[in-house]
């Protein structure tokens, strides 16, 4: 389990947009899976917003479902 100092401190925006692909890529691991809340250090609500935006971006073809 990661300690607070070992977490990646990622900036949280007020509005998470599915079209902001560089921002969303910060929350994906090299295998294109969404990283856990413990790893990103986000609150539960922020993590849900990010997950929804990533899923929308995948559906629109902006992000991969699987890393190639």
N, C-alpha and C. Protein backbone atom coordinates (compact mmCIF):
# COMPACT_ATOMS: atom_id res chain seq x y z
N UNK A 1 0.83 -1.17 0.00
CA UNK A 1 0.00 0.00 0.00
C UNK A 1 0.88 1.24 0.00
N UNK A 2 0.57 2.16 -0.84
CA UNK A 2 1.37 3.37 -0.98
C UNK A 2 1.08 4.34 0.16
N UNK A 3 2.11 4.97 0.65
CA UNK A 3 1.95 6.00 1.68
C UNK A 3 1.63 7.31 0.99
N UNK A 4 1.19 8.26 1.79
CA UNK A 4 0.80 9.56 1.23
C UNK A 4 1.93 10.18 0.42
N UNK A 5 3.17 10.08 0.92
CA UNK A 5 4.29 10.72 0.23
C UNK A 5 4.66 10.01 -1.06
N UNK A 6 4.29 8.73 -1.20
CA UNK A 6 4.65 7.96 -2.39
C UNK A 6 3.62 8.10 -3.50
N UNK A 7 2.46 8.65 -3.18
CA UNK A 7 1.42 8.78 -4.20
C UNK A 7 1.82 9.79 -5.25
N UNK A 8 1.31 9.57 -6.44
CA UNK A 8 1.47 10.55 -7.50
C UNK A 8 0.47 11.66 -7.25
N UNK A 9 0.94 12.86 -7.05
CA UNK A 9 0.02 13.98 -6.83
C UNK A 9 -0.39 14.53 -8.19
N UNK A 10 -1.61 14.26 -8.58
CA UNK A 10 -2.12 14.69 -9.87
C UNK A 10 -3.12 15.81 -9.66
N UNK A 11 -3.07 16.76 -10.53
CA UNK A 11 -3.95 17.92 -10.44
C UNK A 11 -5.39 17.52 -10.77
N UNK A 12 -6.32 18.00 -9.96
CA UNK A 12 -7.74 17.75 -10.24
C UNK A 12 -8.37 19.04 -10.74
N UNK A 13 -9.05 18.95 -11.86
CA UNK A 13 -9.72 20.10 -12.44
C UNK A 13 -11.15 20.16 -11.93
N UNK A 14 -11.76 21.34 -11.99
CA UNK A 14 -13.16 21.46 -11.57
C UNK A 14 -14.07 20.69 -12.51
N UNK A 15 -13.78 20.74 -13.81
CA UNK A 15 -14.59 20.04 -14.79
C UNK A 15 -13.69 19.11 -15.60
N UNK A 16 -13.97 17.82 -15.55
CA UNK A 16 -13.18 16.84 -16.29
C UNK A 16 -13.88 16.62 -17.62
N UNK A 17 -13.16 16.90 -18.71
CA UNK A 17 -13.73 16.79 -20.05
C UNK A 17 -13.15 15.56 -20.74
N UNK A 18 -14.01 14.78 -21.40
CA UNK A 18 -13.54 13.58 -22.08
C UNK A 18 -12.66 13.90 -23.28
N UNK A 19 -12.70 15.15 -23.77
CA UNK A 19 -11.89 15.53 -24.93
C UNK A 19 -10.48 15.95 -24.55
N UNK A 20 -10.21 16.08 -23.26
CA UNK A 20 -8.89 16.46 -22.77
C UNK A 20 -8.04 15.20 -22.59
N UNK A 21 -7.60 14.63 -23.70
CA UNK A 21 -6.91 13.34 -23.71
C UNK A 21 -5.58 13.38 -22.94
N UNK A 22 -4.73 14.40 -23.09
CA UNK A 22 -3.47 14.38 -22.30
C UNK A 22 -3.71 14.34 -20.80
N UNK A 23 -4.73 15.02 -20.32
CA UNK A 23 -5.05 14.99 -18.89
C UNK A 23 -5.53 13.60 -18.47
N UNK A 24 -6.38 12.99 -19.29
CA UNK A 24 -6.91 11.67 -18.94
C UNK A 24 -5.85 10.58 -19.00
N UNK A 25 -4.85 10.74 -19.86
CA UNK A 25 -3.79 9.73 -19.96
C UNK A 25 -2.98 9.63 -18.67
N UNK A 26 -2.98 10.68 -17.85
CA UNK A 26 -2.28 10.64 -16.56
C UNK A 26 -2.88 9.58 -15.64
N UNK A 27 -4.14 9.25 -15.85
CA UNK A 27 -4.85 8.33 -14.97
C UNK A 27 -4.90 6.92 -15.53
N UNK A 28 -4.19 6.66 -16.61
CA UNK A 28 -4.12 5.32 -17.20
C UNK A 28 -2.74 4.75 -16.98
N UNK A 29 -2.67 3.45 -16.69
CA UNK A 29 -1.37 2.81 -16.58
C UNK A 29 -0.90 2.40 -17.98
N UNK A 30 0.31 1.86 -18.14
CA UNK A 30 0.79 1.50 -19.48
C UNK A 30 -0.07 0.47 -20.22
N UNK A 31 -0.92 -0.24 -19.48
CA UNK A 31 -1.80 -1.23 -20.10
C UNK A 31 -3.17 -0.64 -20.41
N UNK A 32 -3.31 0.67 -20.31
CA UNK A 32 -4.53 1.43 -20.61
C UNK A 32 -5.65 1.15 -19.63
N UNK A 33 -5.32 0.74 -18.41
CA UNK A 33 -6.32 0.55 -17.37
C UNK A 33 -6.35 1.79 -16.48
N UNK A 34 -7.52 2.10 -15.95
CA UNK A 34 -7.66 3.25 -15.06
C UNK A 34 -6.99 2.93 -13.73
N UNK A 35 -6.13 3.83 -13.26
CA UNK A 35 -5.43 3.60 -12.01
C UNK A 35 -6.37 3.76 -10.82
N UNK A 36 -6.04 3.09 -9.74
CA UNK A 36 -6.86 3.10 -8.53
C UNK A 36 -6.80 4.46 -7.83
N UNK A 37 -7.80 4.70 -7.02
CA UNK A 37 -7.90 5.94 -6.26
C UNK A 37 -6.74 6.09 -5.29
N UNK A 38 -6.27 4.99 -4.74
CA UNK A 38 -5.12 5.03 -3.83
C UNK A 38 -3.87 5.51 -4.57
N UNK A 39 -3.75 5.10 -5.80
CA UNK A 39 -2.57 5.45 -6.59
C UNK A 39 -2.59 6.92 -7.04
N UNK A 40 -3.77 7.41 -7.40
CA UNK A 40 -3.87 8.78 -7.91
C UNK A 40 -4.02 9.81 -6.80
N UNK A 41 -4.54 9.39 -5.64
CA UNK A 41 -4.73 10.31 -4.54
C UNK A 41 -5.96 11.19 -4.68
N UNK A 42 -6.87 10.82 -5.56
CA UNK A 42 -8.09 11.61 -5.78
C UNK A 42 -9.17 11.20 -4.78
N UNK A 43 -10.14 12.08 -4.60
CA UNK A 43 -11.30 11.74 -3.78
C UNK A 43 -12.19 10.78 -4.56
N UNK A 44 -13.14 10.18 -3.88
CA UNK A 44 -14.01 9.20 -4.53
C UNK A 44 -14.84 9.85 -5.64
N UNK A 45 -15.35 11.03 -5.38
CA UNK A 45 -16.15 11.72 -6.39
C UNK A 45 -15.34 12.10 -7.61
N UNK A 46 -14.12 12.58 -7.38
CA UNK A 46 -13.25 12.96 -8.49
C UNK A 46 -12.85 11.73 -9.30
N UNK A 47 -12.63 10.61 -8.60
CA UNK A 47 -12.26 9.37 -9.29
C UNK A 47 -13.40 8.89 -10.18
N UNK A 48 -14.65 9.03 -9.73
CA UNK A 48 -15.79 8.63 -10.54
C UNK A 48 -15.92 9.51 -11.77
N UNK A 49 -15.67 10.82 -11.62
CA UNK A 49 -15.72 11.73 -12.77
C UNK A 49 -14.66 11.36 -13.80
N UNK A 50 -13.47 11.04 -13.34
CA UNK A 50 -12.37 10.66 -14.24
C UNK A 50 -12.69 9.36 -14.94
N UNK A 51 -13.23 8.39 -14.20
CA UNK A 51 -13.58 7.10 -14.80
C UNK A 51 -14.63 7.28 -15.89
N UNK A 52 -15.62 8.10 -15.62
CA UNK A 52 -16.67 8.35 -16.60
C UNK A 52 -16.10 9.04 -17.84
N UNK A 53 -15.22 10.02 -17.65
CA UNK A 53 -14.61 10.72 -18.78
C UNK A 53 -13.73 9.78 -19.60
N UNK A 54 -12.99 8.89 -18.95
CA UNK A 54 -12.14 7.92 -19.66
C UNK A 54 -13.02 6.98 -20.48
N UNK A 55 -14.10 6.52 -19.90
CA UNK A 55 -15.00 5.61 -20.62
C UNK A 55 -15.64 6.28 -21.82
N UNK A 56 -16.01 7.56 -21.68
CA UNK A 56 -16.57 8.30 -22.81
C UNK A 56 -15.53 8.49 -23.90
N UNK A 57 -14.29 8.82 -23.51
CA UNK A 57 -13.22 9.01 -24.48
C UNK A 57 -12.91 7.71 -25.21
N UNK A 58 -12.98 6.59 -24.51
CA UNK A 58 -12.78 5.29 -25.17
C UNK A 58 -13.87 5.03 -26.19
N UNK A 59 -15.11 5.31 -25.82
CA UNK A 59 -16.24 5.08 -26.72
C UNK A 59 -16.11 5.95 -27.97
N UNK A 60 -15.63 7.18 -27.81
CA UNK A 60 -15.47 8.10 -28.95
C UNK A 60 -14.21 7.80 -29.76
N UNK A 61 -13.37 6.89 -29.29
CA UNK A 61 -12.17 6.52 -30.03
C UNK A 61 -10.98 7.41 -29.74
N UNK A 62 -11.03 8.19 -28.68
CA UNK A 62 -9.91 9.08 -28.35
C UNK A 62 -8.86 8.38 -27.50
N UNK A 63 -9.28 7.37 -26.74
CA UNK A 63 -8.37 6.58 -25.90
C UNK A 63 -8.55 5.10 -26.26
N UNK A 64 -7.51 4.31 -26.10
CA UNK A 64 -7.63 2.89 -26.41
C UNK A 64 -8.31 2.12 -25.28
N UNK A 65 -8.97 1.01 -25.64
CA UNK A 65 -9.49 0.10 -24.65
C UNK A 65 -8.35 -0.78 -24.12
N UNK A 66 -7.44 -1.15 -25.01
CA UNK A 66 -6.29 -1.96 -24.67
C UNK A 66 -5.04 -1.31 -25.24
N UNK A 67 -3.94 -1.44 -24.50
CA UNK A 67 -2.68 -0.91 -25.02
C UNK A 67 -2.13 -1.90 -26.04
N UNK A 68 -1.67 -1.38 -27.15
CA UNK A 68 -1.16 -2.26 -28.21
C UNK A 68 0.33 -2.49 -28.07
